[in-house]
Amino acid sequence: MKQVVAPASISRALCAAFLLAAALSTPAFAQDAPHRGRKYTPPPPTAKITVTVVKAANGKPVENAAVVFHPLKNGKDQGGLELKSNEEGKVSIDVIPIGSTVRMQIIAKGYQTFGEDYDITGDSKEITVKLKPPDKQYSIYEKHDTSKEQGGADSASDRPGQTDQKPNDSGSKPPQSN
């Protein structure tokens, strides 16, 4: 035998069950749940840095120069990011935080390596670097302009009592002992 249930009683029972569940769960949602895990901290605002690499002699762009950015935190290097200059000699980066210091290095074949520290104070920075051809190799056997003195030890203070030695230009061989 089949039992016939009135549709109105089923809908009333479902409605009552739904209202009871809603009434019991409302206070649980109203309370603040304890915060778990890490708090979200948004990343700091960043500056857009555009570097233009040109030749010092004629101002033409240097293509494919390696531009290396080293962000510094408390004077310590935080890693590096290398980009290559395009056909206009330009490189752009926008991940360096405002208020930080970045050490920039430029390496290009046939030119002196360039390096400089920059403070990033605004939301954009334009830097133009003029690369020079390499200087000739330093030799102790040649006379040098003292205004262009390179680093190194002082000959007088490091070697007391010794004079600077120069090569023998007379063509004769120094005496040999047996």
Protein backbone atom coordinates (compact mmCIF):
# COMPACT_ATOMS: atom_id res chain seq x y z
CA MET A 1 0.00 0.00 0.00
CA LYS A 2 1.19 3.43 -0.85
CA GLN A 3 1.13 6.24 1.57
CA VAL A 4 0.26 9.62 0.14
CA VAL A 5 1.87 12.63 1.78
CA ALA A 6 0.47 16.05 1.21
CA PRO A 7 2.86 18.37 -0.66
CA ALA A 8 2.15 21.20 1.76
CA SER A 9 3.41 19.23 4.75
CA ILE A 10 6.68 18.36 2.97
CA SER A 11 7.33 21.96 2.04
CA ARG A 12 6.53 23.10 5.61
CA ALA A 13 8.92 20.52 7.05
CA LEU A 14 11.72 21.54 4.66
CA CYS A 15 11.14 25.21 5.37
CA ALA A 16 11.23 24.63 9.14
CA ALA A 17 14.48 22.62 8.87
CA PHE A 18 16.07 25.35 6.75
CA LEU A 19 15.05 28.11 9.18
CA LEU A 20 16.37 26.10 12.14
CA ALA A 21 19.75 25.56 10.41
CA ALA A 22 20.00 29.23 9.46
CA ALA A 23 19.18 30.36 13.00
CA LEU A 24 21.82 28.10 14.53
CA SER A 25 24.58 29.05 12.10
CA THR A 26 24.10 32.84 12.20
CA PRO A 27 25.91 33.39 15.53
CA ALA A 28 28.92 31.38 14.28
CA PHE A 29 29.36 33.71 11.29
CA ALA A 30 28.88 36.84 13.38
CA GLN A 31 31.87 36.08 15.59
CA ASP A 32 35.33 37.01 14.40
CA ALA A 33 37.28 33.91 13.50
CA PRO A 34 40.83 33.88 14.88
CA HIS A 35 43.42 34.98 12.27
CA ARG A 36 45.64 32.18 11.22
CA GLY A 37 48.69 32.20 9.01
CA ARG A 38 50.61 35.23 7.83
CA LYS A 39 49.23 38.69 7.42
CA TYR A 40 49.27 39.98 3.88
CA THR A 41 51.66 42.83 3.32
CA PRO A 42 51.47 44.47 -0.10
CA PRO A 43 54.71 44.86 -2.05
CA PRO A 44 56.40 48.27 -1.85
CA PRO A 45 55.85 50.76 -4.69
CA THR A 46 58.44 50.42 -7.43
CA ALA A 47 60.21 52.86 -9.73
CA LYS A 48 60.63 52.60 -13.49
CA ILE A 49 64.32 52.85 -14.36
CA THR A 50 65.30 53.51 -17.97
CA VAL A 51 68.97 53.19 -18.93
CA THR A 52 70.36 54.39 -22.26
CA VAL A 53 73.81 53.08 -23.23
CA VAL A 54 75.73 55.13 -25.83
CA LYS A 55 79.27 55.40 -27.16
CA ALA A 56 81.24 58.27 -25.57
CA ALA A 57 82.96 59.10 -28.87
CA ASN A 58 79.89 59.74 -31.04
CA GLY A 59 76.75 59.25 -28.93
CA LYS A 60 75.49 56.29 -30.98
CA PRO A 61 73.59 53.57 -29.08
CA VAL A 62 75.36 50.40 -27.94
CA GLU A 63 73.26 47.36 -28.80
CA ASN A 64 73.37 44.12 -26.78
CA ALA A 65 75.20 45.62 -23.80
CA ALA A 66 74.62 43.68 -20.56
CA VAL A 67 73.00 45.96 -17.96
CA VAL A 68 73.12 44.28 -14.53
CA PHE A 69 71.05 45.59 -11.62
CA HIS A 70 72.05 44.67 -8.04
CA PRO A 71 69.53 45.92 -5.44
CA LEU A 72 71.26 46.71 -2.13
CA LYS A 73 69.72 46.28 1.33
CA ASN A 74 71.76 47.58 4.26
CA GLY A 75 74.79 47.71 1.96
CA LYS A 76 74.50 44.02 0.99
CA ASP A 77 73.79 42.73 -2.50
CA GLN A 78 70.35 41.11 -2.80
CA GLY A 79 71.01 39.29 -6.09
CA GLY A 80 71.19 40.47 -9.66
CA LEU A 81 69.05 40.93 -12.72
CA GLU A 82 70.66 41.19 -16.15
CA LEU A 83 69.02 42.72 -19.20
CA LYS A 84 70.41 43.34 -22.70
CA SER A 85 70.11 46.72 -24.38
CA ASN A 86 67.99 46.92 -27.54
CA GLU A 87 68.98 48.44 -30.90
CA GLU A 88 68.38 51.92 -29.42
CA GLY A 89 70.71 51.11 -26.50
CA LYS A 90 67.80 51.19 -24.01
CA VAL A 91 66.82 48.98 -21.08
CA SER A 92 63.78 49.44 -18.79
CA ILE A 93 63.00 47.79 -15.47
CA ASP A 94 60.23 48.43 -12.96
CA VAL A 95 60.82 46.09 -10.01
CA ILE A 96 63.24 48.15 -7.88
CA PRO A 97 61.48 49.55 -4.77
CA ILE A 98 61.35 53.32 -4.27
CA GLY A 99 63.73 54.44 -1.51
CA SER A 100 66.28 51.72 -2.14
CA THR A 101 69.77 51.76 -3.63
CA VAL A 102 70.70 49.85 -6.76
CA ARG A 103 74.19 49.08 -8.04
CA MET A 104 74.24 49.13 -11.82
CA GLN A 105 76.93 47.54 -13.93
CA ILE A 106 77.24 47.73 -17.72
CA ILE A 107 79.39 45.27 -19.64
CA ALA A 108 79.86 45.53 -23.41
CA LYS A 109 82.45 43.95 -25.66
CA GLY A 110 85.08 46.50 -26.71
CA TYR A 111 84.28 49.00 -23.92
CA GLN A 112 85.34 49.68 -20.34
CA THR A 113 83.03 48.13 -17.76
CA PHE A 114 80.88 50.76 -16.06
CA GLY A 115 79.62 50.59 -12.47
CA GLU A 116 77.79 53.05 -10.22
CA ASP A 117 75.39 53.08 -7.24
CA TYR A 118 72.10 54.98 -7.61
CA ASP A 119 69.55 56.01 -4.95
CA ILE A 120 66.01 55.47 -6.19
CA THR A 121 64.01 58.37 -4.73
CA GLY A 122 61.18 58.92 -7.22
CA ASP A 123 58.80 56.79 -9.24
CA SER A 124 60.98 57.05 -12.37
CA LYS A 125 64.67 57.51 -13.14
CA GLU A 126 66.40 58.15 -16.48
CA ILE A 127 70.09 57.23 -16.69
CA THR A 128 72.38 57.76 -19.69
CA VAL A 129 75.75 56.01 -19.67
CA LYS A 130 78.54 56.87 -22.10
CA LEU A 131 80.89 53.93 -22.57
CA LYS A 132 84.56 54.55 -23.32
CA PRO A 133 86.94 52.29 -25.21
CA PRO A 134 89.36 50.42 -22.95
CA ASP A 135 92.56 52.17 -21.82
CA LYS A 136 95.82 50.63 -22.85
CA GLN A 137 97.36 48.16 -20.45
CA TYR A 138 99.35 49.64 -17.60
CA SER A 139 103.07 48.85 -17.64
CA ILE A 140 105.66 49.61 -14.98
CA TYR A 141 108.28 50.00 -17.70
CA GLU A 142 106.74 53.15 -19.19
CA LYS A 143 106.57 56.74 -18.01
CA HIS A 144 103.09 57.71 -16.87
CA ASP A 145 101.18 60.92 -16.43
CA THR A 146 100.93 61.39 -12.66
CA SER A 147 97.50 63.02 -13.02
CA LYS A 148 96.16 59.65 -14.27
CA GLU A 149 97.88 57.61 -11.56
CA GLN A 150 96.31 54.20 -11.15
CA GLY A 151 95.76 52.49 -7.84
CA GLY A 152 98.35 50.30 -6.27
CA ALA A 153 101.09 50.45 -3.72
CA ASP A 154 103.37 53.44 -3.29
CA SER A 155 106.87 52.49 -4.41
CA ALA A 156 108.59 54.67 -1.80
CA SER A 157 106.60 53.59 1.25
CA ASP A 158 106.39 49.88 0.43
CA ARG A 159 110.02 49.38 -0.47
CA PRO A 160 112.19 51.49 1.80
CA GLY A 161 115.77 51.79 0.68
CA GLN A 162 115.07 50.49 -2.84
CA THR A 163 115.01 52.56 -5.98
CA ASP A 164 112.68 52.04 -8.90
CA GLN A 165 114.21 49.65 -11.39
CA LYS A 166 114.13 50.35 -15.11
CA PRO A 167 114.95 47.99 -17.94
CA ASN A 168 118.41 48.09 -19.42
CA ASP A 169 117.99 49.98 -22.72
CA SER A 170 121.66 49.80 -23.81
CA GLY A 171 121.23 46.40 -25.45
CA SER A 172 124.08 44.86 -23.45
CA LYS A 173 123.41 41.88 -21.27
CA PRO A 174 123.78 42.18 -17.49
CA PRO A 175 126.80 40.35 -16.01
CA GLN A 176 126.13 36.72 -15.20
CA SER A 177 127.66 34.83 -12.32
CA ASN A 178 129.01 31.29 -12.68
